[in-house]
Amino acid sequence: MDTGRQPLWQEEPAERTHMPDPVRTAAVRAVIIVALTLIQAMVAFLCTLAGSWYAFPAVLCTVASTVVATWGVLDVWVTRQVWIQRHGVRSQPSSTARELRRERRRARRQERRESRGGRSPVDRAAA
């Protein structure tokens, strides 16, 4: 049943590619660790304000979690760099770059021909 209205949203193709699986896994792990660290920091802060006995152990756990969270974020960066190094980045040279390379190749070939005295490969084979 067509009501003649336009849909609320239209799907558009993604401009960016998805993160590779190892990088995505490291990123999810890092986000979870950072979230838990922030929760621990808030608990430690509130226990300190309340004067609870749990404040000191909570602060110690928060410091340890901060170290682990830093490691988690660095793990994402290192995993991403390793993936890029192993798999490379897919890139296609633009037509402009390709044309410049062709022109340089032609110029080098022309210079080689002139340096040989204008002889062609056929003349060299006959000699």
Protein backbone atom coordinates (compact mmCIF):
# COMPACT_ATOMS: atom_id res chain seq x y z
CA MET A 1 0.00 0.00 0.00
CA ASP A 2 1.76 3.09 -1.28
CA THR A 3 0.89 6.29 0.57
CA GLY A 4 2.95 8.49 -1.78
CA ARG A 5 5.22 9.69 1.02
CA GLN A 6 8.99 9.56 0.99
CA PRO A 7 10.68 7.22 3.45
CA LEU A 8 11.95 8.66 6.72
CA TRP A 9 15.56 7.82 5.85
CA GLN A 10 17.49 6.63 2.86
CA GLU A 11 20.37 4.22 3.06
CA GLU A 12 23.59 5.61 1.66
CA PRO A 13 26.74 3.60 1.00
CA ALA A 14 29.42 4.01 3.64
CA GLU A 15 32.27 6.26 2.55
CA ARG A 16 34.76 4.72 4.96
CA THR A 17 35.62 1.07 5.17
CA HIS A 18 35.14 -0.91 8.35
CA MET A 19 37.97 -1.43 10.78
CA PRO A 20 39.76 -4.75 10.39
CA ASP A 21 38.62 -7.43 12.84
CA PRO A 22 41.74 -7.45 15.06
CA VAL A 23 41.63 -3.67 15.40
CA ARG A 24 37.91 -3.70 16.14
CA THR A 25 38.42 -6.37 18.81
CA ALA A 26 41.18 -4.33 20.47
CA ALA A 27 39.03 -1.18 20.31
CA VAL A 28 36.04 -2.89 21.95
CA ARG A 29 38.31 -4.29 24.66
CA ALA A 30 39.79 -0.83 25.28
CA VAL A 31 36.37 0.83 25.51
CA ILE A 32 35.17 -1.72 28.06
CA ILE A 33 38.33 -1.33 30.16
CA VAL A 34 38.14 2.47 30.06
CA ALA A 35 34.44 2.40 31.02
CA LEU A 36 35.13 0.15 34.00
CA THR A 37 38.03 2.39 35.04
CA LEU A 38 35.79 5.45 34.99
CA ILE A 39 33.20 3.64 37.10
CA GLN A 40 35.90 2.63 39.59
CA ALA A 41 37.18 6.21 39.72
CA MET A 42 33.69 7.49 40.49
CA VAL A 43 33.21 4.87 43.24
CA ALA A 44 36.58 5.76 44.76
CA PHE A 45 35.71 9.47 44.68
CA LEU A 46 32.30 8.98 46.30
CA CYS A 47 33.75 6.66 48.97
CA THR A 48 36.41 9.26 49.73
CA LEU A 49 33.76 11.95 50.15
CA ALA A 50 31.71 9.67 52.39
CA GLY A 51 34.74 8.74 54.49
CA SER A 52 34.19 5.03 53.93
CA TRP A 53 36.83 2.41 54.72
CA TYR A 54 36.55 1.24 51.10
CA ALA A 55 38.05 4.49 49.76
CA PHE A 56 41.71 3.46 50.04
CA PRO A 57 41.36 0.06 48.28
CA ALA A 58 39.15 1.68 45.65
CA VAL A 59 41.78 4.33 44.91
CA LEU A 60 44.48 1.64 44.60
CA CYS A 61 42.30 -0.36 42.21
CA THR A 62 41.57 2.77 40.21
CA VAL A 63 45.29 3.49 39.81
CA ALA A 64 45.90 -0.06 38.63
CA SER A 65 42.95 0.13 36.25
CA THR A 66 44.29 3.37 34.81
CA VAL A 67 47.52 1.59 33.91
CA VAL A 68 45.56 -1.25 32.29
CA ALA A 69 43.33 1.21 30.41
CA THR A 70 46.39 3.01 29.06
CA TRP A 71 47.75 -0.34 27.88
CA GLY A 72 44.39 -1.07 26.22
CA VAL A 73 44.38 2.17 24.27
CA LEU A 74 47.99 1.66 23.19
CA ASP A 75 47.06 -1.87 22.14
CA VAL A 76 44.52 -0.46 19.69
CA TRP A 77 47.14 1.82 18.16
CA VAL A 78 49.78 -0.93 17.92
CA THR A 79 47.31 -3.44 16.48
CA ARG A 80 46.25 -0.92 13.85
CA GLN A 81 49.86 -0.17 12.88
CA VAL A 82 50.72 -3.88 12.65
CA TRP A 83 47.65 -4.58 10.50
CA ILE A 84 48.51 -1.74 8.13
CA GLN A 85 52.11 -2.91 7.90
CA ARG A 86 51.14 -6.53 7.17
CA HIS A 87 48.25 -5.92 4.81
CA GLY A 88 49.13 -2.54 3.35
CA VAL A 89 46.77 0.16 2.28
CA ARG A 90 44.85 -0.31 -0.91
CA SER A 91 45.39 2.70 -3.08
CA GLN A 92 44.96 3.34 -6.74
CA PRO A 93 47.05 6.04 -8.35
CA SER A 94 45.07 8.76 -9.97
CA SER A 95 45.14 9.11 -13.73
CA THR A 96 47.26 12.23 -13.32
CA ALA A 97 49.99 10.37 -11.43
CA ARG A 98 49.89 7.52 -13.94
CA GLU A 99 50.26 9.94 -16.85
CA LEU A 100 53.24 11.66 -15.19
CA ARG A 101 54.98 8.29 -14.77
CA ARG A 102 54.38 7.48 -18.44
CA GLU A 103 55.86 10.80 -19.50
CA ARG A 104 58.94 10.22 -17.33
CA ARG A 105 59.39 6.73 -18.79
CA ARG A 106 59.14 8.09 -22.34
CA ALA A 107 61.69 10.79 -21.55
CA ARG A 108 64.13 8.22 -20.08
CA ARG A 109 63.75 5.96 -23.10
CA GLN A 110 64.34 8.88 -25.43
CA GLU A 111 67.48 9.85 -23.48
CA ARG A 112 68.79 6.28 -23.72
CA ARG A 113 68.16 6.20 -27.46
CA GLU A 114 69.99 9.49 -27.92
CA SER A 115 72.91 8.35 -25.76
CA ARG A 116 73.33 5.21 -27.93
CA GLY A 117 73.66 7.34 -31.01
CA GLY A 118 70.21 6.79 -32.34
CA ARG A 119 70.65 3.08 -33.04
CA SER A 120 67.56 0.94 -32.68
CA PRO A 121 67.54 -2.50 -31.01
CA VAL A 122 67.35 -4.13 -34.47
CA ASP A 123 70.63 -2.41 -35.54
CA ARG A 124 72.36 -3.72 -32.40
CA ALA A 125 71.20 -7.27 -33.09
CA ALA A 126 72.54 -7.13 -36.65
CA ALA A 127 75.95 -5.82 -35.54
